[in-house]
N, C-alpha and C. Protein backbone atom coordinates (compact mmCIF):
# COMPACT_ATOMS: atom_id res chain seq x y z
N UNK A 1 0.71 -1.56 -0.14
CA UNK A 1 -0.24 0.09 0.02
C UNK A 1 0.76 1.56 0.17
N UNK A 2 2.37 1.42 0.56
CA UNK A 2 2.99 2.36 0.53
C UNK A 2 3.78 2.74 -0.50
N UNK A 3 3.83 1.81 -1.33
CA UNK A 3 4.22 1.60 -2.65
C UNK A 3 3.55 2.75 -3.61
N UNK A 4 1.90 1.93 -3.87
CA UNK A 4 1.26 2.82 -4.17
C UNK A 4 1.01 3.71 -4.00
N UNK A 5 0.84 4.01 -2.78
CA UNK A 5 0.79 5.39 -2.07
C UNK A 5 1.53 6.54 -2.73
N UNK A 6 2.78 6.01 -2.64
CA UNK A 6 3.86 6.73 -3.42
C UNK A 6 4.06 7.30 -4.53
N UNK A 7 3.62 5.51 -5.73
CA UNK A 7 3.56 6.33 -7.18
C UNK A 7 2.63 7.43 -7.27
N UNK A 8 1.61 7.20 -6.02
CA UNK A 8 0.56 8.38 -6.60
C UNK A 8 1.06 9.82 -6.26
N UNK A 9 1.93 9.78 -6.16
CA UNK A 9 2.67 11.34 -5.37
C UNK A 9 2.57 11.44 -3.56
N UNK A 10 1.82 10.52 -3.26
CA UNK A 10 1.55 10.74 -1.65
C UNK A 10 2.65 10.45 -0.88
N UNK A 11 2.61 11.13 0.47
CA UNK A 11 4.08 10.94 1.26
C UNK A 11 3.62 10.49 3.00
N UNK A 12 3.79 9.95 3.60
CA UNK A 12 3.35 9.68 5.21
C UNK A 12 3.93 11.37 5.49
N UNK A 13 2.66 11.86 6.24
CA UNK A 13 2.90 13.17 6.74
C UNK A 13 2.34 13.43 8.21
N UNK A 14 3.26 14.81 8.96
CA UNK A 14 1.92 14.87 10.57
C UNK A 14 1.22 15.67 9.89
N UNK A 15 -0.09 15.44 9.79
CA UNK A 15 -1.37 16.09 9.66
C UNK A 15 -1.51 17.66 10.71
N UNK A 16 -1.87 18.53 9.65
CA UNK A 16 -2.23 19.48 10.61
C UNK A 16 -3.49 19.67 11.21
N UNK A 17 -3.88 20.65 12.21
CA UNK A 17 -5.84 20.57 12.60
C UNK A 17 -6.08 21.60 12.34
N UNK A 18 -7.51 21.70 11.94
CA UNK A 18 -8.15 23.29 12.26
C UNK A 18 -9.33 22.38 13.14
N UNK A 19 -9.99 23.75 13.29
CA UNK A 19 -11.16 22.92 14.34
C UNK A 19 -12.50 22.86 13.27
N UNK A 20 -13.29 22.39 13.67
CA UNK A 20 -14.42 21.83 12.79
C UNK A 20 -15.78 22.76 12.94
N UNK A 21 -15.46 23.75 14.16
CA UNK A 21 -16.29 24.82 14.22
C UNK A 21 -16.17 26.35 13.65
N UNK A 22 -14.94 26.18 13.12
CA UNK A 22 -14.17 27.41 12.35
C UNK A 22 -15.21 27.64 10.95
N UNK A 23 -15.52 29.07 10.80
CA UNK A 23 -16.46 29.43 9.87
C UNK A 23 -15.71 29.64 8.48
N UNK A 24 -15.74 28.64 7.24
CA UNK A 24 -14.92 29.42 6.25
C UNK A 24 -15.14 30.48 5.59
N UNK A 25 -16.16 31.14 5.56
CA UNK A 25 -16.76 32.61 5.23
C UNK A 25 -16.07 33.76 5.71
N UNK A 26 -16.59 33.42 7.07
CA UNK A 26 -15.24 33.89 8.38
C UNK A 26 -13.89 34.11 7.70
N UNK A 27 -13.21 33.62 7.79
CA UNK A 27 -12.19 33.43 7.17
C UNK A 27 -11.77 34.05 5.76
N UNK A 28 -12.28 33.67 4.69
CA UNK A 28 -12.35 34.24 3.79
C UNK A 28 -12.76 36.20 3.55
N UNK A 29 -13.93 36.45 4.26
CA UNK A 29 -13.87 37.51 4.90
C UNK A 29 -12.56 38.49 5.87
N UNK A 30 -12.43 38.21 6.21
CA UNK A 30 -10.41 38.15 7.46
C UNK A 30 -9.79 38.39 6.08
N UNK A 31 -9.55 37.48 5.55
CA UNK A 31 -8.57 37.65 4.12
C UNK A 31 -8.72 38.71 3.55
N UNK A 32 -9.94 38.36 2.42
CA UNK A 32 -10.27 39.54 1.38
C UNK A 32 -10.81 41.05 1.62
N UNK A 33 -11.21 41.21 3.73
CA UNK A 33 -11.76 42.48 3.16
C UNK A 33 -10.94 42.97 4.64
N UNK A 34 -11.01 42.57 5.37
CA UNK A 34 -11.15 42.43 7.34
C UNK A 34 -9.25 42.79 7.08
N UNK A 35 -8.75 42.32 6.95
CA UNK A 35 -7.33 42.31 6.70
C UNK A 35 -6.45 43.47 5.70
N UNK A 36 -6.92 43.23 4.33
CA UNK A 36 -6.72 44.77 3.73
C UNK A 36 -6.97 45.84 4.53
N UNK A 37 -8.17 46.19 4.93
CA UNK A 37 -8.58 47.24 5.53
C UNK A 37 -7.95 47.49 6.66
N UNK A 38 -7.64 46.78 7.28
CA UNK A 38 -6.51 47.16 8.96
C UNK A 38 -5.84 47.70 8.12
N UNK A 39 -4.82 47.14 6.87
CA UNK A 39 -3.75 47.50 6.57
C UNK A 39 -3.54 48.80 5.88
N UNK A 40 -4.76 49.23 5.34
CA UNK A 40 -5.13 50.65 4.50
C UNK A 40 -5.22 51.91 5.74
N UNK A 41 -6.21 51.47 7.02
CA UNK A 41 -6.40 52.46 7.60
C UNK A 41 -4.71 52.44 9.12
N UNK A 42 -4.24 51.06 8.80
CA UNK A 42 -2.88 51.66 9.28
C UNK A 42 -1.50 52.62 8.84
N UNK A 43 -2.15 52.19 7.78
CA UNK A 43 -1.30 53.03 6.76
C UNK A 43 -1.69 54.66 6.37
N UNK A 44 -2.69 55.08 6.65
CA UNK A 44 -3.70 56.45 6.56
C UNK A 44 -2.98 56.77 7.89
N UNK A 45 -2.94 56.47 8.94
CA UNK A 45 -2.73 56.40 10.12
C UNK A 45 -1.08 56.79 10.54
N UNK A 46 -0.30 55.82 9.85
CA UNK A 46 1.21 55.33 10.11
C UNK A 46 1.11 55.06 11.56
N UNK A 47 0.17 54.06 11.77
CA UNK A 47 -0.24 53.29 12.74
C UNK A 47 0.84 52.03 12.27
N UNK A 48 1.34 51.22 13.62
CA UNK A 48 2.13 49.98 13.64
C UNK A 48 0.98 48.77 14.28
N UNK A 49 1.15 47.77 13.32
CA UNK A 49 0.22 46.66 13.22
C UNK A 49 0.91 45.59 14.09
N UNK A 50 0.21 44.61 14.97
CA UNK A 50 0.99 43.39 16.01
C UNK A 50 0.06 42.90 15.77
N UNK A 51 0.46 41.19 15.76
CA UNK A 51 -0.64 40.41 15.86
C UNK A 51 -0.38 39.73 17.27
N UNK A 52 -0.92 39.21 18.25
CA UNK A 52 -0.67 39.12 19.71
C UNK A 52 -1.40 37.92 20.14
N UNK A 53 -1.13 37.45 21.18
CA UNK A 53 -1.27 35.62 21.90
C UNK A 53 -0.77 35.49 23.40
N UNK A 54 -1.23 34.47 23.44
CA UNK A 54 -0.46 34.16 24.86
C UNK A 54 -0.47 32.72 24.79
N UNK A 55 0.94 31.94 25.56
CA UNK A 55 0.91 30.93 25.63
C UNK A 55 1.50 30.52 27.23
N UNK A 56 1.60 29.18 27.26
CA UNK A 56 1.82 28.80 28.81
C UNK A 56 3.26 27.79 28.43
N UNK A 57 4.02 27.53 29.44
CA UNK A 57 4.62 26.52 28.84
C UNK A 57 5.28 25.58 30.21
N UNK A 58 5.23 24.56 30.44
CA UNK A 58 5.29 23.80 32.09
C UNK A 58 6.85 22.84 31.73
N UNK A 59 7.10 22.50 33.28
CA UNK A 59 7.93 21.84 33.35
C UNK A 59 8.58 20.81 32.71
N UNK A 60 7.08 19.79 32.66
CA UNK A 60 7.33 18.40 31.97
C UNK A 60 7.05 18.99 30.37
N UNK A 61 7.16 19.92 29.90
CA UNK A 61 7.13 19.75 28.73
C UNK A 61 8.79 19.59 27.43
N UNK A 62 9.03 18.36 26.95
CA UNK A 62 10.04 18.21 26.51
C UNK A 62 9.80 17.82 25.25
N UNK A 63 10.81 18.03 24.29
CA UNK A 63 10.95 17.91 22.66
C UNK A 63 12.31 17.28 22.14
N UNK A 64 12.52 16.74 21.34
CA UNK A 64 13.44 16.29 20.90
C UNK A 64 14.23 15.21 20.92
N UNK A 65 15.06 14.67 20.59
CA UNK A 65 15.84 13.31 20.52
C UNK A 65 17.01 13.07 21.69
N UNK A 66 17.78 12.05 21.91
CA UNK A 66 19.57 12.33 22.22
C UNK A 66 19.88 10.73 21.72
N UNK A 67 20.99 10.21 22.01
CA UNK A 67 21.38 8.72 21.11
C UNK A 67 21.37 8.00 22.10
N UNK A 68 21.45 7.19 22.22
CA UNK A 68 21.32 5.50 22.69
C UNK A 68 21.87 4.41 22.32
N UNK A 69 22.03 3.35 22.93
CA UNK A 69 22.50 2.08 22.65
C UNK A 69 20.58 1.64 21.95
N UNK A 70 21.11 1.02 20.86
CA UNK A 70 19.69 0.24 19.78
C UNK A 70 19.38 -0.52 20.68
N UNK A 71 17.90 0.07 20.90
CA UNK A 71 17.16 -1.39 21.70
C UNK A 71 16.70 -0.86 23.25
N UNK A 72 17.67 -0.02 23.45
CA UNK A 72 18.31 0.44 25.17
C UNK A 72 17.47 1.91 25.17
N UNK A 73 16.39 2.17 25.34
CA UNK A 73 16.02 3.75 25.31
C UNK A 73 16.66 4.24 26.54
N UNK A 74 16.64 5.60 26.62
CA UNK A 74 17.73 6.44 27.13
C UNK A 74 16.77 7.19 27.71
N UNK A 75 16.96 7.26 29.12
CA UNK A 75 16.41 7.80 30.04
C UNK A 75 17.12 9.23 30.28
N UNK A 76 16.38 10.46 30.83
CA UNK A 76 16.94 11.95 31.03
C UNK A 76 16.61 12.23 32.27
N UNK A 77 16.89 12.30 33.54
CA UNK A 77 16.65 12.46 34.95
C UNK A 77 16.04 13.98 34.93
N UNK A 78 14.49 14.11 35.60
CA UNK A 78 14.11 15.35 35.37
C UNK A 78 13.34 15.64 36.51
N UNK A 79 12.91 16.54 37.12
CA UNK A 79 12.71 16.94 38.33
C UNK A 79 10.78 16.17 38.23
N UNK A 80 10.03 16.22 39.41
CA UNK A 80 8.87 15.68 39.15
C UNK A 80 7.69 16.46 39.78
N UNK A 81 8.17 17.77 39.96
CA UNK A 81 7.42 18.73 39.77
C UNK A 81 7.03 19.46 39.16
N UNK A 82 5.70 19.77 38.87
CA UNK A 82 5.10 20.72 37.96
C UNK A 82 4.92 21.81 37.76
N UNK A 83 5.17 22.69 37.07
CA UNK A 83 4.79 24.17 37.30
C UNK A 83 4.90 24.81 36.14
N UNK A 84 4.41 25.98 36.12
CA UNK A 84 4.57 26.47 34.45
C UNK A 84 4.38 28.32 34.62
N UNK A 85 5.21 28.83 33.77
CA UNK A 85 5.11 30.59 33.39
C UNK A 85 4.26 30.81 32.10
N UNK A 86 3.94 31.68 31.91
CA UNK A 86 2.52 32.35 30.88
C UNK A 86 3.59 33.26 30.23
N UNK A 87 3.42 33.49 28.73
CA UNK A 87 3.66 34.30 27.75
C UNK A 87 2.83 34.95 27.33
N UNK A 88 3.22 36.12 27.02
CA UNK A 88 2.10 37.45 26.03
C UNK A 88 3.14 37.63 25.26
N UNK A 89 2.96 37.55 24.01
CA UNK A 89 3.77 37.95 22.84
C UNK A 89 3.06 38.69 21.47
N UNK A 90 3.21 39.79 20.78
CA UNK A 90 2.69 40.54 20.17
C UNK A 90 3.98 40.82 18.69
N UNK A 91 3.81 40.12 17.26
CA UNK A 91 4.70 40.68 16.03
C UNK A 91 4.02 41.39 15.56
N UNK A 92 4.95 42.14 14.34
CA UNK A 92 4.80 42.86 13.73
C UNK A 92 5.20 42.27 12.40
N UNK A 93 4.34 42.39 10.87
CA UNK A 93 5.55 42.20 9.79
C UNK A 93 6.55 43.07 9.42
N UNK A 94 6.91 43.88 9.91
CA UNK A 94 8.05 44.30 10.09
C UNK A 94 9.12 43.82 10.54
N UNK A 95 8.92 42.80 11.50
CA UNK A 95 9.82 42.05 12.54
C UNK A 95 10.34 42.20 13.67
N UNK A 96 9.24 43.16 14.44
CA UNK A 96 9.41 43.66 15.95
C UNK A 96 8.58 42.60 16.89
N UNK A 97 8.87 42.35 17.87
CA UNK A 97 8.66 41.24 18.80
C UNK A 97 8.86 42.37 20.01
N UNK A 98 7.34 42.36 20.85
CA UNK A 98 7.18 42.61 22.17
C UNK A 98 6.74 41.81 23.19
N UNK A 99 7.12 41.32 24.03
CA UNK A 99 6.56 40.35 24.79
C UNK A 99 6.99 40.37 26.90
N UNK A 100 6.02 39.50 27.39
CA UNK A 100 5.87 39.73 28.47
C UNK A 100 5.96 38.25 29.37
N UNK A 101 7.00 38.07 30.16
CA UNK A 101 6.79 36.49 30.98
C UNK A 101 6.36 36.81 32.36
N UNK A 102 5.27 36.19 32.96
CA UNK A 102 4.77 36.00 34.31
C UNK A 102 4.29 34.86 34.84
N UNK A 103 4.64 34.63 36.25
CA UNK A 103 4.19 33.46 36.81
C UNK A 103 2.52 33.27 37.20
N UNK A 104 2.31 34.83 36.92
CA UNK A 104 0.38 35.15 37.52
C UNK A 104 -0.12 34.65 36.22
N UNK A 105 -1.37 34.30 36.42
CA UNK A 105 -2.57 33.54 35.19
C UNK A 105 -2.63 34.74 34.65
N UNK A 106 -2.94 34.49 33.08
CA UNK A 106 -3.47 35.60 32.24
C UNK A 106 -4.57 36.02 32.24
N UNK A 107 -5.16 36.78 33.26
CA UNK A 107 -6.53 37.88 33.09
C UNK A 107 -6.47 38.83 32.52
N UNK A 108 -7.40 39.48 32.38
CA UNK A 108 -7.89 40.92 32.12
C UNK A 108 -6.75 41.99 32.15
N UNK A 109 -6.67 42.13 33.73
CA UNK A 109 -5.47 42.96 34.21
C UNK A 109 -3.99 42.56 33.39
N UNK A 110 -3.45 41.56 33.82
CA UNK A 110 -2.80 41.18 33.21
C UNK A 110 -2.07 41.70 31.91
N UNK A 111 -3.44 41.25 30.83
CA UNK A 111 -3.21 41.78 29.55
C UNK A 111 -3.10 43.15 29.40
N UNK A 112 -4.06 43.98 30.53
CA UNK A 112 -3.61 45.41 30.22
C UNK A 112 -1.96 45.36 30.54
N UNK A 113 -1.55 45.20 31.77
CA UNK A 113 -0.38 45.06 31.59
C UNK A 113 0.65 45.18 30.44
N UNK A 114 0.41 44.09 29.70
CA UNK A 114 1.00 43.64 28.51
C UNK A 114 0.76 45.21 27.57
N UNK A 115 -0.46 45.48 27.53
CA UNK A 115 -0.82 46.72 26.83
C UNK A 115 0.00 47.50 26.83
N UNK A 116 -0.01 48.37 27.96
CA UNK A 116 0.92 49.30 28.60
C UNK A 116 2.22 49.73 28.39
N UNK A 117 2.63 48.07 28.23
CA UNK A 117 4.05 48.08 27.72
C UNK A 117 4.01 47.83 26.26
N UNK A 118 3.16 47.15 25.89
CA UNK A 118 3.18 47.73 24.00
C UNK A 118 3.28 49.20 23.58
N UNK A 119 1.78 49.78 24.57
CA UNK A 119 2.34 51.02 24.44
C UNK A 119 3.79 52.15 24.63
N UNK A 120 3.82 51.96 25.59
CA UNK A 120 5.07 52.48 26.30
C UNK A 120 5.88 53.17 25.11
N UNK A 121 5.96 54.65 25.51
CA UNK A 121 7.02 54.95 24.12
C UNK A 121 6.43 54.86 22.91
N UNK A 122 5.76 54.57 22.26
CA UNK A 122 5.21 54.01 21.21
C UNK A 122 5.17 55.58 20.41
N UNK A 123 5.64 55.67 19.45
CA UNK A 123 5.37 57.12 18.54
C UNK A 123 4.40 56.70 17.54
N UNK A 124 4.27 55.63 17.57
CA UNK A 124 2.73 55.53 16.88
C UNK A 124 1.68 55.16 17.05
N UNK A 125 0.09 55.31 16.73
CA UNK A 125 -0.64 53.85 17.50
C UNK A 125 -0.45 52.87 16.92
N UNK A 126 -1.00 52.38 17.84
CA UNK A 126 -0.97 50.61 17.74
C UNK A 126 -2.45 50.31 17.34
N UNK A 127 -2.13 49.19 16.44
CA UNK A 127 -3.46 47.95 16.21
C UNK A 127 -2.82 46.98 16.51
N UNK A 128 -3.37 46.13 17.34
CA UNK A 128 -2.73 44.66 18.19
C UNK A 128 -4.33 43.29 17.48
N UNK A 129 -4.04 42.57 16.97
CA UNK A 129 -5.08 41.86 16.04
C UNK A 129 -4.98 40.33 17.43
N UNK A 130 -5.88 40.38 17.83
CA UNK A 130 -5.85 39.03 18.62
C UNK A 130 -7.12 38.18 18.13
N UNK A 131 -7.16 36.88 19.02
CA UNK A 131 -8.51 36.08 19.28
C UNK A 131 -9.28 36.47 20.06
N UNK A 132 -10.54 35.56 19.72
CA UNK A 132 -11.76 36.21 20.66
C UNK A 132 -11.76 35.08 22.04
N UNK A 133 -10.70 35.86 22.29
CA UNK A 133 -10.50 34.54 24.03
C UNK A 133 -11.49 35.85 25.36
N UNK A 134 -12.06 35.72 25.93
CA UNK A 134 -12.74 36.62 27.05
C UNK A 134 -12.12 37.65 27.32
N UNK A 135 -10.73 37.20 27.64
CA UNK A 135 -9.78 38.48 27.92
C UNK A 135 -9.84 39.81 27.30
N UNK A 136 -9.88 39.29 25.82
CA UNK A 136 -9.55 40.29 25.14
C UNK A 136 -11.00 41.03 24.99
N UNK A 137 -11.95 40.81 25.64
CA UNK A 137 -13.23 40.91 25.33
C UNK A 137 -13.50 41.37 26.30
N UNK A 138 -12.97 41.45 27.44
CA UNK A 138 -13.55 42.37 28.84
C UNK A 138 -13.64 43.52 29.00
N UNK A 139 -14.63 44.04 29.44
CA UNK A 139 -14.96 45.19 29.87
C UNK A 139 -13.68 46.22 30.49
N UNK A 140 -12.80 45.26 31.18
CA UNK A 140 -11.68 46.34 31.53
C UNK A 140 -11.03 47.06 30.64
N UNK A 141 -10.47 45.59 29.47
CA UNK A 141 -10.15 45.77 28.18
C UNK A 141 -10.02 47.00 27.57
N UNK A 142 -11.78 46.41 27.00
CA UNK A 142 -12.70 47.61 26.14
C UNK A 142 -12.16 49.01 26.82
N UNK A 143 -12.35 49.31 28.09
CA UNK A 143 -11.91 50.63 28.73
C UNK A 143 -10.74 51.27 28.55
N UNK A 144 -9.87 50.52 29.26
CA UNK A 144 -8.53 50.55 28.73
C UNK A 144 -8.39 51.40 27.24
N UNK A 145 -8.86 50.48 26.19
CA UNK A 145 -9.12 50.82 24.58
C UNK A 145 -9.35 52.23 24.41
N UNK A 146 -10.78 52.19 25.20
CA UNK A 146 -11.12 53.74 24.84
C UNK A 146 -10.29 54.87 25.74
N UNK A 147 -9.65 54.35 26.77
CA UNK A 147 -9.38 55.75 27.51
C UNK A 147 -7.87 56.14 26.62
N UNK A 148 -7.35 54.98 25.74
CA UNK A 148 -6.31 55.10 25.01
C UNK A 148 -6.34 56.43 23.91
N UNK A 149 -7.05 56.75 23.98
CA UNK A 149 -7.05 58.36 22.86
C UNK A 149 -6.88 58.02 21.55
N UNK A 150 -7.33 56.73 20.81
CA UNK A 150 -6.99 56.67 19.56
C UNK A 150 -5.57 56.03 19.35
N UNK A 151 -4.88 55.70 20.36
CA UNK A 151 -3.62 54.96 20.43
C UNK A 151 -3.42 53.97 20.60
N UNK A 152 -4.64 52.97 20.99
CA UNK A 152 -4.41 51.33 20.60
C UNK A 152 -5.73 51.18 19.65
N UNK A 153 -6.12 49.81 19.05
CA UNK A 153 -7.17 49.56 18.16
C UNK A 153 -6.93 48.21 18.69
N UNK A 154 -7.85 47.50 19.51
CA UNK A 154 -7.90 46.12 18.96
C UNK A 154 -8.82 45.68 17.78
N UNK A 155 -8.33 44.30 16.88
CA UNK A 155 -8.82 43.70 15.57
C UNK A 155 -9.36 42.11 16.61
N UNK A 156 -10.31 41.73 16.43
CA UNK A 156 -10.76 39.95 17.02
C UNK A 156 -10.22 39.26 15.43
N UNK A 157 -9.91 38.56 15.52
CA UNK A 157 -9.58 37.39 14.42
C UNK A 157 -11.02 36.62 14.37
N UNK A 158 -11.17 36.20 13.34
CA UNK A 158 -12.45 35.06 12.98
C UNK A 158 -11.80 33.87 14.76
N UNK A 159 -13.39 33.66 15.02
CA UNK A 159 -13.70 32.64 15.59
C UNK A 159 -12.83 30.92 15.52
N UNK A 160 -12.11 30.44 16.13
CA UNK A 160 -11.48 29.14 15.81
C UNK A 160 -10.22 29.41 14.74
N UNK A 161 -9.77 29.67 14.54
CA UNK A 161 -8.91 30.07 13.20
C UNK A 161 -7.32 30.77 14.10
N UNK A 162 -6.47 29.73 15.03
CA UNK A 162 -5.10 30.33 14.88
C UNK A 162 -4.37 30.32 14.15
N UNK A 163 -4.52 29.62 12.99
CA UNK A 163 -3.64 29.71 11.75
C UNK A 163 -3.49 30.75 11.41
N UNK A 164 -4.30 32.25 11.39
CA UNK A 164 -4.01 32.82 10.97
C UNK A 164 -3.81 33.96 11.75
N UNK A 165 -3.09 33.69 12.57
CA UNK A 165 -1.77 34.51 13.62
C UNK A 165 -0.78 33.93 13.86
N UNK A 166 0.10 34.71 13.22
CA UNK A 166 1.88 34.88 12.96
C UNK A 166 2.24 34.52 14.04
N UNK A 167 1.20 34.83 15.55
CA UNK A 167 2.67 35.32 16.56
C UNK A 167 2.50 33.39 17.12
N UNK A 168 1.08 33.00 16.88
CA UNK A 168 1.02 31.29 16.93
C UNK A 168 2.65 30.76 17.02
N UNK A 169 3.42 31.26 15.32
CA UNK A 169 4.51 30.41 15.48
C UNK A 169 5.78 30.83 16.49
N UNK A 170 5.43 32.20 17.50
CA UNK A 170 6.56 32.65 18.08
C UNK A 170 6.61 31.34 19.71
N UNK A 171 5.34 30.75 19.55
CA UNK A 171 5.61 29.68 20.77
C UNK A 171 6.21 28.48 20.22
N UNK A 172 5.86 28.10 18.76
CA UNK A 172 6.19 27.13 18.30
C UNK A 172 7.89 26.98 18.64
N UNK A 173 8.50 28.15 18.18
CA UNK A 173 9.84 28.80 18.30
C UNK A 173 10.25 28.49 19.34
N UNK A 174 9.87 29.19 20.44
CA UNK A 174 10.35 29.20 21.52
C UNK A 174 10.49 27.91 22.76
N UNK A 175 8.99 27.04 22.17
CA UNK A 175 9.41 25.90 22.89
C UNK A 175 9.80 24.82 21.99
N UNK A 176 9.93 25.03 20.08
CA UNK A 176 11.13 23.72 19.63
C UNK A 176 12.75 24.23 20.00
N UNK A 177 13.01 25.62 20.60
CA UNK A 177 14.36 25.90 20.88
C UNK A 177 14.74 25.22 22.39
N UNK A 178 15.77 25.69 23.28
CA UNK A 178 16.22 25.64 23.97
C UNK A 178 15.19 24.48 25.31
N UNK A 179 14.15 25.38 25.17
CA UNK A 179 12.98 24.79 25.97
C UNK A 179 12.62 23.78 26.19
N UNK A 180 12.50 23.22 25.28
CA UNK A 180 12.24 22.02 24.78
C UNK A 180 12.95 20.74 25.43
N UNK A 181 13.96 21.44 25.34
CA UNK A 181 15.40 20.37 25.54
C UNK A 181 16.52 20.45 26.35
N UNK A 182 15.83 21.30 27.17
CA UNK A 182 16.20 21.26 28.65
C UNK A 182 15.52 21.32 29.63
N UNK A 183 16.19 20.35 30.92
CA UNK A 183 16.15 19.72 31.92
C UNK A 183 15.67 21.10 32.86
N UNK A 184 14.55 21.58 33.74
CA UNK A 184 14.56 22.68 34.25
C UNK A 184 14.38 22.28 36.28
N UNK A 185 14.73 23.04 36.54
CA UNK A 185 14.64 22.24 38.01
C UNK A 185 13.25 23.13 38.85
N UNK A 186 13.45 24.49 38.20
CA UNK A 186 12.47 25.61 39.75
C UNK A 186 11.67 26.66 38.24
N UNK A 187 10.82 27.03 38.92
CA UNK A 187 10.06 27.91 38.21
C UNK A 187 11.23 29.31 37.85
N UNK A 188 11.73 29.55 38.39
CA UNK A 188 12.88 30.78 38.52
C UNK A 188 13.46 30.64 37.03
N UNK A 189 14.09 28.96 37.17
CA UNK A 189 14.56 29.13 36.25
C UNK A 189 14.33 28.53 34.50
N UNK A 190 12.91 28.37 34.55
CA UNK A 190 11.81 28.24 33.25
C UNK A 190 11.83 29.50 33.26
N UNK A 191 11.54 30.51 34.11
CA UNK A 191 11.18 32.15 33.53
C UNK A 191 12.59 32.83 32.91
N UNK A 192 13.54 32.38 33.36
CA UNK A 192 14.96 32.80 33.04
C UNK A 192 15.25 32.59 31.63
N UNK A 193 14.83 30.96 30.95
CA UNK A 193 15.15 30.32 30.16
C UNK A 193 14.23 31.28 29.15
N UNK A 194 12.67 30.82 28.94
CA UNK A 194 11.62 31.90 28.32
C UNK A 194 11.99 33.51 27.78
N UNK A 195 12.57 33.84 28.79
CA UNK A 195 12.87 34.92 28.73
C UNK A 195 14.14 35.29 27.76
N UNK A 196 14.86 34.59 28.07
CA UNK A 196 16.57 34.40 27.26
C UNK A 196 16.04 33.93 25.45
N UNK A 197 15.64 33.27 25.43
CA UNK A 197 15.33 32.31 24.10
C UNK A 197 14.00 33.39 23.49
N UNK A 198 12.95 34.39 23.87
CA UNK A 198 12.34 35.16 23.79
C UNK A 198 13.27 36.78 23.14
N UNK A 199 14.22 36.95 24.05
CA UNK A 199 15.31 37.73 23.81
C UNK A 199 16.10 37.84 22.31
N UNK A 200 16.27 36.35 22.47
CA UNK A 200 17.24 36.02 21.00
C UNK A 200 16.55 35.84 19.84
N UNK A 201 14.94 35.80 19.66
CA UNK A 201 14.37 35.92 19.07
C UNK A 201 14.16 37.42 18.38
N UNK A 202 13.74 38.28 19.58
CA UNK A 202 14.08 39.84 19.41
C UNK A 202 14.54 40.48 18.46
N UNK A 203 16.35 39.72 18.90
CA UNK A 203 16.86 39.89 18.08
C UNK A 203 17.09 39.45 16.25
N UNK A 204 16.29 38.88 16.19
CA UNK A 204 16.58 38.21 14.41
C UNK A 204 15.20 38.67 13.77
N UNK A 205 15.09 39.50 13.16
CA UNK A 205 13.57 40.19 12.16
C UNK A 205 13.68 39.51 11.63
N UNK A 206 14.19 38.64 10.95
CA UNK A 206 14.45 37.95 9.56
C UNK A 206 13.58 36.48 9.88
N UNK A 207 13.56 36.09 10.67
CA UNK A 207 12.85 34.95 11.50
C UNK A 207 11.40 35.37 11.94
N UNK A 208 11.22 36.42 12.70
CA UNK A 208 9.78 36.87 12.98
C UNK A 208 9.49 37.43 11.54
N UNK A 209 9.41 37.88 10.32
CA UNK A 209 8.98 38.25 9.17
C UNK A 209 9.02 37.04 8.62
N UNK A 210 9.36 35.97 8.41
CA UNK A 210 9.26 34.60 7.90
C UNK A 210 7.81 33.93 8.67
N UNK A 211 7.30 34.62 9.93
CA UNK A 211 6.10 34.23 10.22
C UNK A 211 5.02 34.08 9.46
N UNK A 212 4.77 35.51 9.00
CA UNK A 212 3.70 36.31 7.92
C UNK A 212 3.65 35.53 6.43
N UNK A 213 4.95 34.55 6.21
CA UNK A 213 5.07 34.10 4.94
C UNK A 213 4.54 32.42 4.86
N UNK A 214 4.44 31.63 5.92
CA UNK A 214 4.29 30.33 6.42
C UNK A 214 3.00 30.36 5.32
N UNK A 215 3.15 28.87 4.94
CA UNK A 215 2.06 28.89 3.81
C UNK A 215 0.40 28.77 4.68
N UNK A 216 0.72 28.29 5.86
CA UNK A 216 -0.49 28.22 6.52
C UNK A 216 -1.22 29.19 7.21
N UNK A 217 -0.41 30.43 7.18
CA UNK A 217 -0.94 32.07 7.46
C UNK A 217 -1.46 33.13 5.97
N UNK A 218 -0.84 32.95 5.18
CA UNK A 218 -1.37 33.10 3.60
C UNK A 218 -1.54 34.69 3.74
N UNK A 219 -0.71 35.51 4.81
CA UNK A 219 -0.83 36.94 5.02
C UNK A 219 -0.47 37.05 3.14
N UNK A 220 -1.30 38.40 2.89
CA UNK A 220 -0.19 39.10 1.57
C UNK A 220 -0.28 40.56 2.18
N UNK A 221 0.83 40.84 2.27
CA UNK A 221 1.50 42.17 3.24
C UNK A 221 2.01 43.49 2.07
N UNK A 222 1.12 44.67 2.71
CA UNK A 222 1.35 45.81 1.71
C UNK A 222 2.60 46.65 2.37
């Protein structure tokens, strides 16, 4: 069967996943109408566009391989304690990355703290594109946006469409780098490691720009 499928031009691949709740029509409207309109408005206002997201990294997250004697699975000692830290970030098509690492649960107040940091010393207004998570739609957040006097505009992605957010690739990058391959013993060590990897990514604008050209993101940038 494998030979037949190969001759038909097929190969074994790790599948991508898409929520069946996603509305394809809403995705089309976002890509063909909403996103171009955001770009036009941002250009008119000389604003900066970011895509934002949050993620959690746990002490028991591990990724990668190591060498061992054939037939004898290698064992790596690690802590049995379970702890996690939360990360918030935003990326722009120009290759900018802003981030925050916290041990607190991400609430509306924590998200507002991140927004304040995003706007700190910003010479231009900001369009921040996020998913429809309840904290992004919280009354506190909407009030903060209102009191920014036009400095901040929040735009929501279509529901169940993480593949439309290039910032999701930040977490893939972070977790596939040292964090997934390092055994951590304390929450402080995990936080320091997360900040280190994010700082390193922050310096590499070319990697961040490529997030917007991944085939499953499909963004047309003006």
